[in-house]
């Protein structure tokens, strides 16, 4: 639970630790925001790396509209948003 100036946020994370489910990688995150808003983040993985994230909100004017962002990895294993 995190308290920010805009209110209290609660987050839940899914990190499966059992092979071959994900080797402990972050697969899902849910954040409960003030005013009954929920943000769902689904992390996309390939070959042991996070390559993208699909985000949807509930409780907002654009509920259910998803946004997918892809990450570009370089040879130093750092990444940037595409």
N, C-alpha and C. Protein backbone atom coordinates (compact mmCIF):
# COMPACT_ATOMS: atom_id res chain seq x y z
N UNK A 1 0.85 -1.16 0.00
CA UNK A 1 0.00 0.00 0.00
C UNK A 1 0.90 1.23 0.00
N UNK A 2 0.55 2.18 -0.85
CA UNK A 2 1.32 3.42 -0.98
C UNK A 2 0.36 4.59 -0.80
N UNK A 3 0.76 5.56 0.00
CA UNK A 3 -0.04 6.76 0.16
C UNK A 3 0.62 7.88 -0.63
N UNK A 4 -0.14 8.45 -1.56
CA UNK A 4 0.34 9.54 -2.41
C UNK A 4 -0.54 10.75 -2.15
N UNK A 5 -0.14 11.92 -2.62
CA UNK A 5 -0.97 13.12 -2.41
C UNK A 5 -2.40 12.95 -2.95
N UNK A 6 -2.56 12.14 -3.99
CA UNK A 6 -3.89 11.95 -4.58
C UNK A 6 -4.72 10.91 -3.83
N UNK A 7 -4.16 10.23 -2.84
CA UNK A 7 -4.90 9.23 -2.08
C UNK A 7 -4.08 7.99 -1.84
N UNK A 8 -4.74 6.91 -1.41
CA UNK A 8 -4.08 5.66 -1.09
C UNK A 8 -4.22 4.69 -2.25
N UNK A 9 -3.12 4.09 -2.66
CA UNK A 9 -3.09 3.12 -3.75
C UNK A 9 -2.67 1.78 -3.18
N UNK A 10 -3.34 0.71 -3.60
CA UNK A 10 -2.98 -0.64 -3.18
C UNK A 10 -2.66 -1.44 -4.43
N UNK A 11 -1.53 -2.15 -4.41
CA UNK A 11 -1.11 -2.94 -5.57
C UNK A 11 -0.99 -4.41 -5.22
N UNK A 12 -1.32 -5.26 -6.19
CA UNK A 12 -1.13 -6.71 -6.07
C UNK A 12 -0.33 -7.16 -7.28
N UNK A 13 0.62 -8.07 -7.05
CA UNK A 13 1.51 -8.53 -8.11
C UNK A 13 1.44 -10.05 -8.23
N UNK A 14 1.63 -10.57 -9.45
CA UNK A 14 1.70 -12.00 -9.68
C UNK A 14 3.07 -12.33 -10.25
N UNK A 15 3.86 -13.06 -9.45
CA UNK A 15 5.20 -13.50 -9.84
C UNK A 15 5.24 -15.02 -9.66
N UNK A 16 4.88 -15.81 -10.66
CA UNK A 16 4.97 -17.26 -10.46
C UNK A 16 6.43 -17.70 -10.36
N UNK A 17 6.72 -18.55 -9.39
CA UNK A 17 8.09 -19.00 -9.18
C UNK A 17 8.31 -20.43 -9.65
N UNK A 18 7.29 -21.06 -10.21
CA UNK A 18 7.37 -22.45 -10.60
C UNK A 18 7.64 -22.55 -12.11
N UNK A 19 8.58 -23.41 -12.49
CA UNK A 19 8.88 -23.64 -13.90
C UNK A 19 7.68 -24.28 -14.56
N UNK A 20 7.37 -24.12 -15.80
CA UNK A 20 7.91 -23.12 -16.71
C UNK A 20 7.03 -21.88 -16.75
N UNK A 21 6.25 -21.66 -15.68
CA UNK A 21 5.24 -20.59 -15.68
C UNK A 21 5.81 -19.21 -15.91
N UNK A 22 7.02 -18.94 -15.55
CA UNK A 22 7.53 -17.60 -15.77
C UNK A 22 8.83 -17.33 -15.06
N UNK A 23 9.36 -18.31 -14.34
CA UNK A 23 10.66 -18.18 -13.68
C UNK A 23 10.71 -16.98 -12.75
N UNK A 24 9.60 -16.66 -12.10
CA UNK A 24 9.57 -15.55 -11.16
C UNK A 24 9.40 -14.19 -11.78
N UNK A 25 9.11 -14.14 -13.08
CA UNK A 25 8.94 -12.86 -13.77
C UNK A 25 7.58 -12.26 -13.42
N UNK A 26 7.52 -10.96 -13.48
CA UNK A 26 6.26 -10.26 -13.25
C UNK A 26 5.33 -10.49 -14.43
N UNK A 27 4.14 -11.06 -14.16
CA UNK A 27 3.19 -11.33 -15.23
C UNK A 27 1.96 -10.43 -15.17
N UNK A 28 1.58 -10.00 -13.95
CA UNK A 28 0.33 -9.25 -13.80
C UNK A 28 0.45 -8.32 -12.60
N UNK A 29 -0.14 -7.14 -12.73
CA UNK A 29 -0.17 -6.17 -11.64
C UNK A 29 -1.56 -5.52 -11.63
N UNK A 30 -2.12 -5.40 -10.44
CA UNK A 30 -3.42 -4.73 -10.28
C UNK A 30 -3.25 -3.63 -9.26
N UNK A 31 -3.67 -2.42 -9.62
CA UNK A 31 -3.54 -1.28 -8.72
C UNK A 31 -4.93 -0.73 -8.44
N UNK A 32 -5.28 -0.65 -7.16
CA UNK A 32 -6.54 -0.05 -6.73
C UNK A 32 -6.27 1.40 -6.39
N UNK A 33 -6.94 2.28 -7.11
CA UNK A 33 -6.73 3.72 -6.94
C UNK A 33 -7.93 4.33 -6.24
N UNK A 34 -7.83 5.57 -5.80
CA UNK A 34 -8.98 6.25 -5.20
C UNK A 34 -10.17 6.31 -6.17
N UNK A 35 -11.35 6.46 -5.61
CA UNK A 35 -12.60 6.57 -6.38
C UNK A 35 -12.94 5.29 -7.13
N UNK A 36 -12.58 4.13 -6.57
CA UNK A 36 -12.92 2.81 -7.12
C UNK A 36 -12.36 2.57 -8.52
N UNK A 37 -11.25 3.17 -8.86
CA UNK A 37 -10.60 2.95 -10.15
C UNK A 37 -9.59 1.82 -9.98
N UNK A 38 -9.62 0.87 -10.92
CA UNK A 38 -8.68 -0.24 -10.91
C UNK A 38 -7.89 -0.21 -12.21
N UNK A 39 -6.58 -0.41 -12.11
CA UNK A 39 -5.73 -0.49 -13.29
C UNK A 39 -5.13 -1.89 -13.34
N UNK A 40 -5.30 -2.57 -14.48
CA UNK A 40 -4.79 -3.92 -14.68
C UNK A 40 -3.65 -3.86 -15.69
N UNK A 41 -2.49 -4.42 -15.31
CA UNK A 41 -1.34 -4.45 -16.22
C UNK A 41 -0.96 -5.91 -16.45
N UNK A 42 -0.96 -6.30 -17.71
CA UNK A 42 -0.54 -7.64 -18.10
C UNK A 42 0.79 -7.51 -18.82
N UNK A 43 1.81 -8.17 -18.29
CA UNK A 43 3.15 -8.07 -18.88
C UNK A 43 3.36 -9.18 -19.89
N UNK A 44 3.87 -8.83 -21.06
CA UNK A 44 4.10 -9.76 -22.15
C UNK A 44 5.56 -10.18 -22.14
N UNK A 45 5.81 -11.48 -22.12
CA UNK A 45 7.19 -11.96 -22.07
C UNK A 45 7.49 -12.86 -23.27
N UNK A 46 8.75 -12.88 -23.66
CA UNK A 46 9.23 -13.76 -24.72
C UNK A 46 10.70 -14.05 -24.46
N UNK A 47 11.06 -15.32 -24.48
CA UNK A 47 12.44 -15.74 -24.28
C UNK A 47 13.04 -15.19 -22.98
N UNK A 48 12.23 -15.16 -21.92
CA UNK A 48 12.72 -14.73 -20.62
C UNK A 48 12.82 -13.23 -20.41
N UNK A 49 12.29 -12.44 -21.32
CA UNK A 49 12.34 -10.98 -21.20
C UNK A 49 10.94 -10.40 -21.27
N UNK A 50 10.73 -9.30 -20.57
CA UNK A 50 9.48 -8.57 -20.70
C UNK A 50 9.58 -7.73 -21.97
N UNK A 51 8.65 -7.96 -22.90
CA UNK A 51 8.71 -7.26 -24.18
C UNK A 51 7.57 -6.27 -24.36
N UNK A 52 6.61 -6.28 -23.43
CA UNK A 52 5.50 -5.35 -23.56
C UNK A 52 4.59 -5.38 -22.35
N UNK A 53 3.62 -4.46 -22.36
CA UNK A 53 2.67 -4.35 -21.26
C UNK A 53 1.33 -3.90 -21.83
N UNK A 54 0.26 -4.61 -21.45
CA UNK A 54 -1.10 -4.24 -21.87
C UNK A 54 -1.83 -3.73 -20.63
N UNK A 55 -2.34 -2.51 -20.68
CA UNK A 55 -2.97 -1.86 -19.53
C UNK A 55 -4.42 -1.55 -19.83
N UNK A 56 -5.31 -1.87 -18.87
CA UNK A 56 -6.72 -1.49 -18.96
C UNK A 56 -7.15 -0.88 -17.63
N UNK A 57 -8.12 0.01 -17.67
CA UNK A 57 -8.68 0.66 -16.48
C UNK A 57 -10.15 0.29 -16.35
N UNK A 58 -10.62 0.23 -15.12
CA UNK A 58 -12.05 0.10 -14.84
C UNK A 58 -12.43 1.22 -13.89
N UNK A 59 -13.64 1.71 -14.02
CA UNK A 59 -14.10 2.79 -13.16
C UNK A 59 -13.77 4.17 -13.67
N UNK A 60 -13.35 4.28 -14.92
CA UNK A 60 -13.05 5.58 -15.52
C UNK A 60 -13.97 5.79 -16.72
N UNK A 61 -13.92 6.95 -17.31
CA UNK A 61 -14.78 7.26 -18.45
C UNK A 61 -14.46 6.40 -19.66
N UNK A 62 -13.24 5.87 -19.75
CA UNK A 62 -12.87 5.00 -20.88
C UNK A 62 -12.61 3.58 -20.42
N UNK A 63 -13.45 3.07 -19.51
CA UNK A 63 -13.28 1.73 -18.96
C UNK A 63 -13.20 0.67 -20.05
N UNK A 64 -12.28 -0.24 -19.86
CA UNK A 64 -12.15 -1.35 -20.78
C UNK A 64 -11.31 -1.08 -22.02
N UNK A 65 -10.94 0.17 -22.25
CA UNK A 65 -10.09 0.50 -23.40
C UNK A 65 -8.66 0.16 -23.03
N UNK A 66 -8.04 -0.70 -23.80
CA UNK A 66 -6.69 -1.13 -23.48
C UNK A 66 -5.63 -0.40 -24.27
N UNK A 67 -4.45 -0.29 -23.65
CA UNK A 67 -3.29 0.33 -24.30
C UNK A 67 -2.15 -0.68 -24.20
N UNK A 68 -1.52 -0.97 -25.33
CA UNK A 68 -0.38 -1.90 -25.33
C UNK A 68 0.88 -1.11 -25.66
N UNK A 69 1.89 -1.29 -24.82
CA UNK A 69 3.19 -0.65 -25.04
C UNK A 69 4.23 -1.75 -25.19
N UNK A 70 5.14 -1.57 -26.14
CA UNK A 70 6.20 -2.54 -26.37
C UNK A 70 7.53 -1.94 -25.94
N UNK A 71 8.43 -2.79 -25.45
CA UNK A 71 9.73 -2.37 -24.98
C UNK A 71 10.80 -2.84 -25.96
N UNK A 72 11.76 -1.99 -26.24
CA UNK A 72 12.88 -2.33 -27.10
C UNK A 72 14.10 -2.57 -26.22
N UNK A 73 14.68 -3.77 -26.31
CA UNK A 73 15.88 -4.12 -25.54
C UNK A 73 17.11 -3.96 -26.43
N UNK A 74 18.20 -3.47 -25.84
CA UNK A 74 19.45 -3.38 -26.59
C UNK A 74 20.41 -4.45 -26.09
N UNK A 75 21.64 -4.46 -26.63
CA UNK A 75 22.60 -5.51 -26.26
C UNK A 75 23.14 -5.37 -24.84
N UNK A 76 22.86 -4.26 -24.15
CA UNK A 76 23.27 -4.08 -22.76
C UNK A 76 22.14 -4.46 -21.80
N UNK A 77 21.05 -5.00 -22.34
CA UNK A 77 19.87 -5.42 -21.60
C UNK A 77 19.10 -4.27 -20.97
N UNK A 78 19.29 -3.06 -21.45
CA UNK A 78 18.44 -1.94 -21.04
C UNK A 78 17.32 -1.85 -22.06
N UNK A 79 16.24 -1.14 -21.69
CA UNK A 79 15.12 -1.06 -22.62
C UNK A 79 14.54 0.33 -22.66
N UNK A 80 13.77 0.59 -23.71
CA UNK A 80 13.06 1.85 -23.87
C UNK A 80 11.68 1.54 -24.42
N UNK A 81 10.74 2.47 -24.23
CA UNK A 81 9.38 2.30 -24.74
C UNK A 81 9.36 2.58 -26.23
N UNK A 82 8.56 1.78 -26.93
CA UNK A 82 8.37 1.99 -28.37
C UNK A 82 6.98 2.47 -28.62
